[in-house]
Each structure stands twice: as structure tokens, then as C-alpha cells.
């Protein structure tokens, strides 16, 4: 009996890791592809009510970028891994989302 309960629990956990719908996978994988294009950063100026001024700087880059991976391939692999299907369009065909 205990073995069947453990087996049932294991199957329930595995089913939670199943594929997600293609549009959801494509949306989730956009940022991975963007970061594979190159580092992202921002610079800002902060000030407080006491007259103190400072600067902020953030930078982010992915291992895909450092490894020189193609953003289209990063996107395609990500979507396939999450949905079990290839993307409906390649990342490079989404110019409004690039850079």
C-alpha cells in the first residue's frame, strides 16, 4: 500500500512538470533570447530629500551570451523544452521584441 502511495505522489509531481501551452512558452522564453543577444544595463541618478545625490548602475548578461549562442537557437530550445513544440515563429522574425 505504501509503495502505491509513493508511486502516486511521484506521478503527481512529474505531471506538474509537464509541457505548458506554446504561447505561454514563447512569452516566457523571450527574455532568454534577448539576453543571449548581449548584455543589458541601466544607469540612473538618485536623490533624497536631504540633498544627497548618487548614481545607480546595473548590468545583466546570460551564460548563453558568454558562450556565443545564437539567440534564435536559445529561443527555439527554450520553447521546445517548455512546450514540447517548436516556436510558431523564430525569434529573429519578432523585430519589435528584439533589442
Protein backbone atom coordinates (compact mmCIF):
# COMPACT_ATOMS: atom_id res chain seq x y z
CA UNK A 1 0.00 0.00 0.00
CA UNK A 2 2.78 2.42 0.93
CA UNK A 3 4.54 1.74 -2.40
CA UNK A 4 1.40 2.69 -4.31
CA UNK A 5 1.08 5.93 -2.35
CA UNK A 6 4.70 6.84 -3.12
CA UNK A 7 4.20 5.95 -6.78
CA UNK A 8 1.08 8.12 -6.91
CA UNK A 9 2.90 11.03 -5.32
CA UNK A 10 5.78 10.65 -7.76
CA UNK A 11 3.43 10.64 -10.74
CA UNK A 12 1.64 13.71 -9.43
CA UNK A 13 4.94 15.58 -9.14
CA UNK A 14 6.01 14.57 -12.63
CA UNK A 15 2.71 15.68 -14.15
CA UNK A 16 3.22 19.14 -12.61
CA UNK A 17 6.40 19.45 -14.70
CA UNK A 18 4.56 18.72 -17.93
CA UNK A 19 4.55 20.90 -21.02
CA UNK A 20 2.93 24.31 -20.98
CA UNK A 21 0.91 25.86 -23.84
CA UNK A 22 3.00 27.10 -26.78
CA UNK A 23 2.06 30.82 -26.45
CA UNK A 24 2.98 30.77 -22.76
CA UNK A 25 6.33 29.09 -23.51
CA UNK A 26 7.09 31.62 -26.25
CA UNK A 27 6.35 34.51 -23.89
CA UNK A 28 8.50 33.05 -21.12
CA UNK A 29 11.45 32.45 -23.46
CA UNK A 30 11.67 35.97 -24.91
CA UNK A 31 13.90 37.28 -22.15
CA UNK A 32 16.34 34.38 -22.52
CA UNK A 33 16.69 35.17 -26.21
CA UNK A 34 17.10 38.90 -25.54
CA UNK A 35 19.85 38.26 -23.01
CA UNK A 36 21.61 35.97 -25.50
CA UNK A 37 21.93 39.00 -27.82
CA UNK A 38 24.16 40.89 -25.44
CA UNK A 39 24.47 42.44 -22.01
CA UNK A 40 21.70 44.65 -20.72
CA UNK A 41 22.23 47.55 -18.39
CA UNK A 42 20.79 50.69 -16.93
CA UNK A 43 22.15 53.84 -15.35
CA UNK A 44 20.21 56.10 -13.03
CA UNK A 45 20.53 59.06 -10.73
CA UNK A 46 19.02 59.05 -7.26
CA UNK A 47 18.49 61.91 -4.86
CA UNK A 48 16.97 62.13 -1.41
CA UNK A 49 15.22 64.91 0.45
CA UNK A 50 18.44 65.82 2.25
CA UNK A 51 20.21 66.81 -0.95
CA UNK A 52 22.29 63.66 -1.29
CA UNK A 53 22.77 62.54 -4.87
CA UNK A 54 24.05 59.22 -6.11
CA UNK A 55 24.17 57.05 -9.16
CA UNK A 56 23.00 53.52 -9.82
CA UNK A 57 24.28 51.10 -12.40
CA UNK A 58 23.08 47.61 -13.19
CA UNK A 59 24.21 45.13 -15.79
CA UNK A 60 22.96 41.69 -16.67
CA UNK A 61 24.24 39.09 -19.07
CA UNK A 62 23.49 35.47 -19.65
CA UNK A 63 25.63 32.39 -19.96
CA UNK A 64 24.16 31.98 -23.45
CA UNK A 65 25.69 35.32 -24.46
CA UNK A 66 29.04 34.46 -22.87
CA UNK A 67 29.04 31.11 -24.70
CA UNK A 68 28.28 32.85 -28.00
CA UNK A 69 24.97 31.06 -28.56
CA UNK A 70 22.61 32.24 -31.30
CA UNK A 71 19.54 34.00 -29.81
CA UNK A 72 17.27 32.22 -32.33
CA UNK A 73 18.57 28.85 -31.16
CA UNK A 74 18.29 29.83 -27.49
CA UNK A 75 14.66 30.82 -28.08
CA UNK A 76 13.84 27.68 -30.07
CA UNK A 77 15.42 25.36 -27.50
CA UNK A 78 13.69 27.11 -24.61
CA UNK A 79 10.25 26.93 -26.26
CA UNK A 80 10.75 23.29 -27.23
CA UNK A 81 11.84 22.36 -23.70
CA UNK A 82 8.88 24.11 -22.08
CA UNK A 83 6.07 23.24 -24.52
CA UNK A 84 7.28 20.16 -26.37
CA UNK A 85 6.74 22.06 -29.63
CA UNK A 86 8.95 24.28 -31.78
CA UNK A 87 8.13 28.01 -31.71
CA UNK A 88 5.48 29.27 -34.13
CA UNK A 89 7.99 31.87 -35.40
CA UNK A 90 11.73 32.29 -34.96
CA UNK A 91 12.94 34.93 -32.54
CA UNK A 92 14.54 36.89 -35.40
CA UNK A 93 11.10 37.35 -37.01
CA UNK A 94 9.93 39.36 -33.99
CA UNK A 95 11.69 42.68 -34.70
CA UNK A 96 9.56 44.68 -32.27
CA UNK A 97 10.81 42.43 -29.46
CA UNK A 98 14.48 42.38 -30.34
CA UNK A 99 17.00 44.64 -28.59
